[in-house]
Amino acid sequence: MLSDSVEVLKKIYKPYRYTYKGNAIIINTTSGDFVLKEKNDKNIKDLYNYLNSRNFNSFPNLIDDSRIDINVYQYIESVNMPKEQKALDLINSIASLHNKTTFYKNVTQDDFKSIYDNLESNIIYLKNYYNNLYENIKKHIYMSPKEYLLMRNIHKIFSCLDFCETETKNWFALVENETKKRVSIIHNNLKLDHFIKNQDNYLISWDLYRTDSPIMDLIKFYKNEYFNINFSIILEEYFTKVKITEDEKKLFFIYIAIPDIITLDGDEFTCCRKIRKGLDYLFITENLIRPYYTPQEKN
């Protein structure tokens, strides 16, 4: 993928070692360590200039962007730390990013209606999918292990879909007359592996950044790391730093509560693992959301 440019850069930097890590190459040289990463259609230099102008600099230096296909970045060694502490440091950096780049964009009712229609159609599709799956399995005299596991827990899937359907209507009632929407720069690829802690905090892998609602970063981070960390603490930390509105919070909960499609393709063991993973996601997500809908939290 990067072979032609790597050969040129080898002659320039004269590395004594290089290591492939994901879609990047780390090169170790006598003059320092660097990261080579293929360019896409995002202009990282413009992004970094803008972030610096907003007094946000939690990203590695861009050493060389003069080549058409590769950017060369500063390499930063991460210190070892508990994943929970790393997640808190990450969310604080993201809160700072959102606060420092927030602005309010003029929107029309059609913008919110489009989100509502997409959510509604997705929920209807999932309800039909799981209803058909339920009816087909119910016809079997003897259920397979994967079918039995799904049927014993399918009420949880329908419960989540009912919640999302109701909350989608409630969310739209809050925003249907709004004329502005809060947006900011979002990283759009949040996971623990994309955060480095050293003397400072560094967010890496900005290749998917865009301008959008800040909750999109929370959604991506949750879906990537929900099983690895306690997200109730992460959300509490973020909500103390960023003044999220009721409609933004509600939309976040809707997006993370929507179940994925669970297919029964494959062998019994693989399918049972897949079903169990999908159910674990729903139970974990329900436990995260529930406190925000109890009377104690509302008062």
Protein backbone atom coordinates (compact mmCIF):
# COMPACT_ATOMS: atom_id res chain seq x y z
CA MET A 1 0.00 0.00 0.00
CA LEU A 2 2.76 2.45 1.01
CA SER A 3 5.71 0.69 -0.61
CA ASP A 4 6.72 3.28 -3.24
CA SER A 5 6.73 6.23 -0.85
CA VAL A 6 8.28 4.17 1.93
CA GLU A 7 11.28 3.45 -0.27
CA VAL A 8 11.74 7.17 -0.88
CA LEU A 9 11.33 8.04 2.79
CA LYS A 10 13.78 5.31 3.78
CA LYS A 11 16.46 7.13 1.80
CA ILE A 12 15.60 10.41 3.52
CA TYR A 13 15.23 9.23 7.12
CA LYS A 14 17.55 6.19 6.97
CA PRO A 15 15.63 4.10 9.52
CA TYR A 16 17.33 1.25 11.34
CA ARG A 17 13.93 -0.34 12.03
CA TYR A 18 10.37 0.03 10.84
CA THR A 19 7.22 -1.57 12.20
CA TYR A 20 3.80 -2.00 10.65
CA LYS A 21 1.00 -1.10 13.07
CA GLY A 22 -2.52 -1.15 11.63
CA ASN A 23 -2.48 1.07 8.55
CA ALA A 24 0.58 3.01 9.70
CA ILE A 25 4.33 2.41 9.68
CA ILE A 26 6.54 3.42 12.59
CA ILE A 27 10.12 4.15 11.58
CA ASN A 28 12.96 4.40 14.09
CA THR A 29 15.90 6.53 13.01
CA THR A 30 19.00 8.00 14.61
CA SER A 31 17.36 11.45 14.38
CA GLY A 32 14.04 10.42 15.96
CA ASP A 33 11.00 8.23 15.49
CA PHE A 34 8.20 8.95 13.02
CA VAL A 35 4.88 7.57 11.83
CA LEU A 36 4.02 7.20 8.15
CA LYS A 37 0.36 7.13 7.27
CA GLU A 38 -1.45 7.08 3.96
CA LYS A 39 -3.43 10.20 3.10
CA ASN A 40 -7.12 10.22 2.32
CA ASP A 41 -9.38 13.07 1.21
CA LYS A 42 -9.13 14.81 4.62
CA ASN A 43 -6.74 17.76 4.85
CA ILE A 44 -5.01 17.11 8.16
CA LYS A 45 -2.84 20.23 7.92
CA ASP A 46 -5.89 22.47 7.62
CA LEU A 47 -7.52 20.65 10.53
CA TYR A 48 -4.46 21.07 12.75
CA ASN A 49 -4.20 24.77 11.86
CA TYR A 50 -7.84 25.27 12.77
CA LEU A 51 -7.52 23.35 16.05
CA ASN A 52 -4.44 25.37 16.99
CA SER A 53 -6.40 28.55 16.33
CA ARG A 54 -9.01 27.29 18.81
CA ASN A 55 -6.26 26.62 21.40
CA PHE A 56 -6.61 22.83 21.10
CA ASN A 57 -3.36 20.98 20.47
CA SER A 58 -3.88 17.42 21.70
CA PHE A 59 -2.51 15.80 18.55
CA PRO A 60 0.93 14.71 17.30
CA ASN A 61 2.91 17.11 15.16
CA LEU A 62 2.58 16.79 11.41
CA ILE A 63 6.22 16.64 10.32
CA ASP A 64 5.79 16.46 6.54
CA ASP A 65 2.65 16.68 4.40
CA SER A 66 4.41 17.55 1.15
CA ARG A 67 3.91 14.14 -0.45
CA ILE A 68 0.80 13.34 -2.41
CA ASP A 69 0.08 10.01 -0.72
CA ILE A 70 1.70 10.00 2.75
CA ASN A 71 1.82 12.15 5.86
CA VAL A 72 4.76 11.92 8.27
CA TYR A 73 3.87 12.44 11.94
CA GLN A 74 5.78 12.74 15.19
CA TYR A 75 5.91 9.39 16.99
CA ILE A 76 4.86 9.52 20.64
CA GLU A 77 5.50 6.75 23.11
CA SER A 78 2.55 6.05 25.41
CA VAL A 79 2.98 5.41 29.11
CA ASN A 80 1.34 2.36 30.64
CA MET A 81 -1.77 3.19 32.63
CA PRO A 82 -5.06 1.57 33.69
CA LYS A 83 -7.61 1.58 30.87
CA GLU A 84 -10.16 3.32 33.12
CA GLN A 85 -7.81 6.25 33.71
CA LYS A 86 -6.93 6.33 30.03
CA ALA A 87 -10.64 6.50 29.14
CA LEU A 88 -11.18 9.42 31.54
CA ASP A 89 -8.22 11.31 30.08
CA LEU A 90 -9.54 10.62 26.58
CA ILE A 91 -13.05 11.88 27.35
CA ASN A 92 -11.64 15.04 28.95
CA SER A 93 -9.65 15.72 25.77
CA ILE A 94 -12.77 15.14 23.67
CA ALA A 95 -14.81 17.45 25.91
CA SER A 96 -12.17 20.12 25.38
CA LEU A 97 -12.26 19.55 21.60
CA HIS A 98 -16.04 19.88 21.51
CA ASN A 99 -16.15 22.97 23.73
CA LYS A 100 -13.43 24.79 21.81
CA THR A 101 -14.84 24.10 18.34
CA THR A 102 -18.59 24.37 19.00
CA PHE A 103 -20.80 26.63 16.93
CA TYR A 104 -24.50 26.68 16.09
CA LYS A 105 -25.52 25.92 12.55
CA ASN A 106 -28.77 27.14 10.99
CA VAL A 107 -30.98 24.20 10.10
CA THR A 108 -34.46 23.64 8.75
CA GLN A 109 -37.17 21.36 10.03
CA ASP A 110 -36.22 18.96 7.23
CA ASP A 111 -32.82 18.34 8.85
CA PHE A 112 -34.39 17.00 12.04
CA LYS A 113 -37.18 15.28 10.10
CA SER A 114 -34.57 13.39 8.09
CA ILE A 115 -32.96 12.06 11.28
CA TYR A 116 -36.39 11.13 12.62
CA ASP A 117 -37.38 9.33 9.41
CA ASN A 118 -34.10 7.38 9.30
CA LEU A 119 -34.46 6.29 12.91
CA GLU A 120 -38.11 5.36 12.48
CA SER A 121 -37.51 3.33 9.32
CA ASN A 122 -34.59 1.50 10.97
CA ILE A 123 -36.70 0.63 14.02
CA ILE A 124 -39.59 -0.59 11.85
CA TYR A 125 -37.19 -2.69 9.77
CA LEU A 126 -35.68 -4.29 12.90
CA LYS A 127 -39.12 -5.00 14.38
CA ASN A 128 -40.19 -6.74 11.19
CA TYR A 129 -36.91 -8.64 10.99
CA TYR A 130 -37.13 -9.98 14.54
CA ASN A 131 -40.87 -10.67 14.29
CA ASN A 132 -40.26 -12.80 11.19
CA LEU A 133 -37.36 -14.56 12.90
CA TYR A 134 -39.53 -15.24 15.95
CA GLU A 135 -42.40 -16.64 13.89
CA ASN A 136 -40.11 -18.88 11.84
CA ILE A 137 -38.33 -20.33 14.88
CA LYS A 138 -41.65 -20.84 16.68
CA LYS A 139 -42.71 -23.28 13.96
CA HIS A 140 -39.84 -25.63 14.80
CA ILE A 141 -40.73 -28.64 16.94
CA TYR A 142 -37.17 -28.79 18.31
CA MET A 143 -35.07 -25.66 18.53
CA SER A 144 -31.32 -25.64 18.02
CA PRO A 145 -29.12 -24.15 20.79
CA LYS A 146 -28.76 -20.86 18.91
CA GLU A 147 -32.52 -20.65 18.34
CA TYR A 148 -33.26 -21.45 21.98
CA LEU A 149 -30.80 -18.82 23.21
CA LEU A 150 -32.36 -16.18 20.97
CA MET A 151 -35.96 -17.09 21.78
CA ARG A 152 -35.33 -17.03 25.52
CA ASN A 153 -34.06 -13.45 25.25
CA ILE A 154 -35.90 -11.97 22.26
CA HIS A 155 -38.18 -10.03 24.62
CA LYS A 156 -35.13 -7.87 25.46
CA ILE A 157 -34.68 -6.97 21.79
CA PHE A 158 -38.34 -5.99 21.42
CA SER A 159 -38.19 -4.02 24.67
CA CYS A 160 -35.22 -2.03 23.37
CA LEU A 161 -36.99 -1.36 20.09
CA ASP A 162 -40.12 -0.17 21.91
CA PHE A 163 -37.96 2.17 24.01
CA CYS A 164 -36.25 3.56 20.89
CA GLU A 165 -39.57 4.03 19.11
CA THR A 166 -41.08 5.98 22.01
CA GLU A 167 -37.96 8.06 22.61
CA THR A 168 -37.59 8.89 18.92
CA LYS A 169 -41.06 10.46 19.01
CA ASN A 170 -40.20 12.29 22.24
CA TRP A 171 -36.93 13.54 20.75
CA PHE A 172 -38.62 14.88 17.63
CA ALA A 173 -41.18 16.72 19.74
CA LEU A 174 -38.27 18.57 21.37
CA VAL A 175 -36.56 19.63 18.14
CA GLU A 176 -39.22 19.93 15.44
CA ASN A 177 -39.41 23.72 15.84
CA GLU A 178 -35.68 24.32 16.37
CA THR A 179 -33.81 26.44 13.84
CA LYS A 180 -30.25 25.87 15.09
CA LYS A 181 -28.15 22.82 15.82
CA ARG A 182 -24.97 22.57 17.88
CA VAL A 183 -22.02 21.13 15.91
CA SER A 184 -18.29 20.88 16.47
CA ILE A 185 -15.24 19.15 15.12
CA ILE A 186 -15.57 15.48 16.00
CA HIS A 187 -12.78 12.92 15.90
CA ASN A 188 -15.23 10.29 14.60
CA ASN A 189 -12.97 7.31 15.33
CA LEU A 190 -12.71 7.17 19.12
CA LYS A 191 -11.24 4.14 20.82
CA LEU A 192 -8.64 3.64 23.53
CA ASP A 193 -6.00 2.73 20.94
CA HIS A 194 -6.39 6.17 19.38
CA PHE A 195 -5.39 8.02 22.55
CA ILE A 196 -1.83 8.39 23.80
CA LYS A 197 -0.91 9.64 27.25
CA ASN A 198 2.55 11.02 27.88
CA GLN A 199 3.44 14.35 29.46
CA ASP A 200 0.45 15.58 27.44
CA ASN A 201 -2.66 14.03 25.91
CA TYR A 202 -2.66 13.09 22.22
CA LEU A 203 -5.51 12.00 19.97
CA ILE A 204 -4.29 10.17 16.88
CA SER A 205 -5.93 8.80 13.70
CA TRP A 206 -7.90 11.86 12.64
CA ASP A 207 -8.57 10.41 9.18
CA LEU A 208 -12.36 10.36 9.64
CA TYR A 209 -12.84 13.73 11.35
CA ARG A 210 -15.78 15.89 10.36
CA THR A 211 -18.08 18.63 11.62
CA ASP A 212 -21.14 17.12 13.29
CA SER A 213 -23.03 16.83 16.55
CA PRO A 214 -20.68 16.12 19.50
CA ILE A 215 -22.78 13.11 20.52
CA MET A 216 -21.52 11.27 17.43
CA ASP A 217 -18.13 10.97 19.13
CA LEU A 218 -19.80 9.54 22.25
CA ILE A 219 -21.71 7.02 20.14
CA LYS A 220 -18.58 5.83 18.33
CA PHE A 221 -16.56 5.64 21.55
CA TYR A 222 -19.31 3.68 23.31
CA LYS A 223 -19.76 1.18 20.50
CA ASN A 224 -16.00 0.59 20.33
CA GLU A 225 -15.35 0.26 24.07
CA TYR A 226 -18.63 -0.52 25.88
CA PHE A 227 -17.35 -3.95 26.97
CA ASN A 228 -13.96 -2.71 28.20
CA ILE A 229 -14.79 0.19 30.52
CA ASN A 230 -17.50 1.48 32.85
CA PHE A 231 -19.22 4.08 30.70
CA SER A 232 -21.40 5.52 33.47
CA ILE A 233 -18.27 7.21 34.88
CA ILE A 234 -17.22 8.36 31.40
CA LEU A 235 -20.62 9.94 30.72
CA GLU A 236 -20.73 11.66 34.11
CA GLU A 237 -17.32 13.17 33.42
CA TYR A 238 -18.30 14.33 29.95
CA PHE A 239 -21.64 15.78 31.07
CA THR A 240 -19.87 17.86 33.73
CA LYS A 241 -17.58 19.34 31.07
CA VAL A 242 -20.00 19.78 28.14
CA LYS A 243 -23.49 21.22 28.61
CA ILE A 244 -25.45 18.63 26.68
CA THR A 245 -29.08 19.55 26.04
CA GLU A 246 -31.99 17.22 26.75
CA ASP A 247 -32.57 16.49 23.07
CA GLU A 248 -28.87 15.72 22.46
CA LYS A 249 -28.77 13.35 25.43
CA LYS A 250 -31.98 11.66 24.31
CA LEU A 251 -30.67 11.19 20.78
CA PHE A 252 -27.45 9.67 22.13
CA PHE A 253 -29.41 7.13 24.18
CA ILE A 254 -31.60 6.24 21.18
CA TYR A 255 -28.63 5.59 18.92
CA ILE A 256 -26.79 3.36 21.39
CA ALA A 257 -29.98 1.47 22.38
CA ILE A 258 -30.91 0.36 18.86
CA PRO A 259 -30.07 -3.36 18.56
CA ASP A 260 -27.94 -4.67 15.73
CA ILE A 261 -29.22 -7.37 13.40
CA ILE A 262 -28.34 -10.82 14.73
CA THR A 263 -28.19 -13.41 11.97
CA LEU A 264 -28.26 -17.17 12.49
CA ASP A 265 -25.81 -17.96 9.71
CA GLY A 266 -22.89 -20.22 10.57
CA ASP A 267 -22.23 -23.08 12.95
CA GLU A 268 -23.92 -23.37 16.35
CA PHE A 269 -20.93 -22.25 18.39
CA THR A 270 -20.27 -19.15 16.26
CA CYS A 271 -23.95 -18.17 16.26
CA CYS A 272 -24.32 -18.64 20.02
CA ARG A 273 -21.30 -16.41 20.61
CA LYS A 274 -22.73 -13.82 18.24
CA ILE A 275 -26.15 -13.87 19.93
CA ARG A 276 -24.56 -13.72 23.40
CA LYS A 277 -22.47 -10.72 22.36
CA GLY A 278 -25.52 -8.92 20.99
CA LEU A 279 -27.50 -9.62 24.15
CA ASP A 280 -24.62 -8.53 26.38
CA TYR A 281 -24.56 -5.23 24.51
CA LEU A 282 -28.28 -4.70 25.18
CA PHE A 283 -28.00 -5.53 28.89
CA ILE A 284 -24.95 -3.31 29.38
CA THR A 285 -26.61 -0.46 27.49
CA GLU A 286 -29.84 -0.78 29.46
CA ASN A 287 -27.89 -0.56 32.73
CA LEU A 288 -26.12 2.56 31.46
CA ILE A 289 -29.32 4.32 30.38
CA ARG A 290 -31.71 3.29 33.16
CA PRO A 291 -30.49 5.77 35.86
CA TYR A 292 -31.23 8.69 33.53
CA TYR A 293 -34.88 7.62 33.34
CA THR A 294 -35.53 7.00 37.04
CA PRO A 295 -37.45 9.53 39.18
CA GLN A 296 -34.41 10.00 41.42
CA GLU A 297 -32.32 11.22 38.48
CA LYS A 298 -35.05 13.47 37.16
CA ASN A 299 -35.64 15.31 40.48
